[in-house]
Amino acid sequence: MTRTAVNFLLDTLLLLFFSSLVWVAATLQFVFPPGPEADGWRLWGCGYAEWANVQFALIAILLAGVVLHVMLHWTWVCGVVASRYGREKKGKVDDGVRTLYGVGLLIAILHVIGIALTAATLTIEDPAQVESSNAAADSVRASAD
């Protein structure tokens, strides 16, 4: 298979997965009732949680496809960045350095995502604790009155 055919196939698959993701996201947002009201509602045998799992799977597949797409075009990406933001030297950046740039960028992106997930994990609130702290605050206010 030629490189052009591989790129065309990958782009077609990315379009299909993106379109599917948009449909599932719109279905979850606009077809299912909001929040806890969606409990028990089913579309084609699947409830809200199953459709949310399909959405996450589509996001993961789309992410993998986009990473593969960028990898297949990495030489072009490096050439554009070097021509616009590089120094005035006319020498080309060799494949090893381009690979290091790509791996470094991927590591940086993964670290940012990891830090954001860690922050979310550390700051999420348990509804039972929020409810008990609200009840305690209400009782303090009531005793102050």
Protein backbone atom coordinates (compact mmCIF):
# COMPACT_ATOMS: atom_id res chain seq x y z
CA MET A 1 0.00 0.00 0.00
CA THR A 2 1.41 3.39 -0.94
CA ARG A 3 1.92 6.17 1.56
CA THR A 4 -0.83 8.18 -0.12
CA ALA A 5 -3.26 5.28 0.21
CA VAL A 6 -2.37 4.85 3.89
CA ASN A 7 -2.93 8.57 4.53
CA PHE A 8 -6.25 8.50 2.67
CA LEU A 9 -7.43 5.42 4.60
CA LEU A 10 -6.40 6.95 7.93
CA ASP A 11 -8.08 10.27 7.11
CA THR A 12 -11.28 8.45 6.08
CA LEU A 13 -11.30 6.45 9.32
CA LEU A 14 -10.67 9.61 11.34
CA LEU A 15 -13.64 11.26 9.63
CA LEU A 16 -15.88 8.26 10.38
CA PHE A 17 -14.82 8.05 14.03
CA PHE A 18 -15.17 11.82 14.48
CA SER A 19 -18.66 11.78 12.95
CA SER A 20 -19.61 8.89 15.24
CA LEU A 21 -18.25 10.74 18.25
CA VAL A 22 -20.25 13.87 17.37
CA TRP A 23 -23.42 11.77 17.01
CA VAL A 24 -22.92 9.97 20.35
CA ALA A 25 -22.07 13.22 22.16
CA ALA A 26 -25.14 14.96 20.71
CA THR A 27 -27.29 11.96 21.66
CA LEU A 28 -26.04 12.04 25.24
CA GLN A 29 -26.48 15.81 25.45
CA PHE A 30 -29.81 16.30 23.69
CA VAL A 31 -31.69 12.97 23.54
CA PHE A 32 -31.21 11.57 27.04
CA PRO A 33 -32.73 13.46 29.95
CA PRO A 34 -30.19 15.42 32.02
CA GLY A 35 -28.34 13.98 35.02
CA PRO A 36 -29.98 11.41 37.27
CA GLU A 37 -33.22 11.65 35.30
CA ALA A 38 -31.53 9.57 32.56
CA ASP A 39 -31.44 6.53 34.86
CA GLY A 40 -33.50 3.79 33.27
CA TRP A 41 -33.81 5.42 29.85
CA ARG A 42 -32.50 3.22 27.03
CA LEU A 43 -31.64 3.77 23.39
CA TRP A 44 -31.32 0.61 21.28
CA GLY A 45 -30.79 -1.50 24.40
CA CYS A 46 -28.11 0.71 25.97
CA GLY A 47 -28.50 3.14 28.83
CA TYR A 48 -26.74 6.43 29.45
CA ALA A 49 -23.71 4.77 31.07
CA GLU A 50 -23.18 2.41 28.12
CA TRP A 51 -23.41 5.27 25.64
CA ALA A 52 -20.93 7.26 27.76
CA ASN A 53 -18.56 4.25 27.53
CA VAL A 54 -19.01 4.22 23.74
CA GLN A 55 -18.20 7.94 23.71
CA PHE A 56 -15.00 7.38 25.69
CA ALA A 57 -13.98 4.50 23.41
CA LEU A 58 -14.50 6.71 20.36
CA ILE A 59 -12.41 9.47 21.96
CA ALA A 60 -9.59 6.98 22.65
CA ILE A 61 -9.71 5.62 19.08
CA LEU A 62 -9.79 9.13 17.65
CA LEU A 63 -6.82 10.15 19.81
CA ALA A 64 -4.81 7.14 18.64
CA GLY A 65 -5.67 7.96 15.02
CA VAL A 66 -4.65 11.60 15.42
CA VAL A 67 -1.33 10.57 17.01
CA LEU A 68 -0.71 8.16 14.14
CA HIS A 69 -1.64 10.90 11.64
CA VAL A 70 0.86 13.32 13.20
CA MET A 71 3.52 10.58 13.27
CA LEU A 72 3.04 9.94 9.55
CA HIS A 73 3.42 13.67 8.86
CA TRP A 74 6.13 14.39 11.44
CA THR A 75 8.80 15.29 8.87
CA TRP A 76 6.43 17.85 7.36
CA VAL A 77 5.55 19.25 10.82
CA CYS A 78 9.22 19.64 11.71
CA GLY A 79 9.94 21.27 8.34
CA VAL A 80 7.16 23.83 8.81
CA VAL A 81 8.22 24.62 12.38
CA ALA A 82 11.88 24.92 11.36
CA SER A 83 11.12 27.16 8.39
CA ARG A 84 8.89 29.50 10.41
CA TYR A 85 10.55 29.53 13.81
CA GLY A 86 13.97 28.04 13.25
CA ARG A 87 17.27 29.75 13.18
CA GLU A 88 18.69 31.06 9.96
CA LYS A 89 20.93 28.03 9.39
CA LYS A 90 20.13 26.16 6.21
CA GLY A 91 21.01 22.68 7.50
CA LYS A 92 18.27 20.10 7.88
CA VAL A 93 17.42 18.58 11.23
CA ASP A 94 18.24 14.89 11.09
CA ASP A 95 15.74 12.10 11.79
CA GLY A 96 17.12 11.36 15.26
CA VAL A 97 16.64 14.93 16.44
CA ARG A 98 13.14 15.06 14.93
CA THR A 99 12.27 11.85 16.77
CA LEU A 100 13.56 13.32 20.03
CA TYR A 101 11.45 16.43 19.48
CA GLY A 102 8.38 14.27 18.90
CA VAL A 103 8.97 12.06 21.93
CA GLY A 104 9.67 15.12 24.09
CA LEU A 105 6.47 16.80 22.94
CA LEU A 106 4.45 13.63 23.60
CA ILE A 107 5.94 13.30 27.09
CA ALA A 108 5.14 16.96 27.84
CA ILE A 109 1.53 16.55 26.68
CA LEU A 110 1.10 13.37 28.74
CA HIS A 111 2.50 15.15 31.81
CA VAL A 112 0.05 18.04 31.43
CA ILE A 113 -2.84 15.58 31.11
CA GLY A 114 -1.55 13.61 34.12
CA ILE A 115 -1.28 16.75 36.25
CA ALA A 116 -4.82 17.79 35.27
CA LEU A 117 -6.17 14.32 36.13
CA THR A 118 -4.31 14.35 39.45
CA ALA A 119 -5.77 17.76 40.30
CA ALA A 120 -9.25 16.50 39.45
CA THR A 121 -8.75 13.34 41.54
CA LEU A 122 -7.53 15.31 44.55
CA THR A 123 -10.27 17.93 44.43
CA ILE A 124 -13.37 15.88 43.61
CA GLU A 125 -16.01 16.01 46.32
CA ASP A 126 -18.01 13.04 47.61
CA PRO A 127 -21.72 13.95 47.60
CA ALA A 128 -22.21 12.38 51.04
CA GLN A 129 -19.44 14.55 52.51
CA VAL A 130 -20.78 17.67 50.80
CA GLU A 131 -24.27 16.92 52.12
CA SER A 132 -23.01 16.30 55.68
CA SER A 133 -20.91 19.48 55.66
CA ASN A 134 -23.92 21.45 54.37
CA ALA A 135 -26.07 19.95 57.14
CA ALA A 136 -23.42 20.86 59.73
CA ALA A 137 -23.23 24.41 58.39
CA ASP A 138 -27.03 24.67 58.49
CA SER A 139 -27.11 23.50 62.13
CA VAL A 140 -24.41 26.01 63.08
CA ARG A 141 -26.41 28.79 61.39
CA ALA A 142 -29.61 27.65 63.11
CA SER A 143 -27.93 27.62 66.54
CA ALA A 144 -26.48 31.08 65.89
CA ASP A 145 -29.96 32.49 65.24
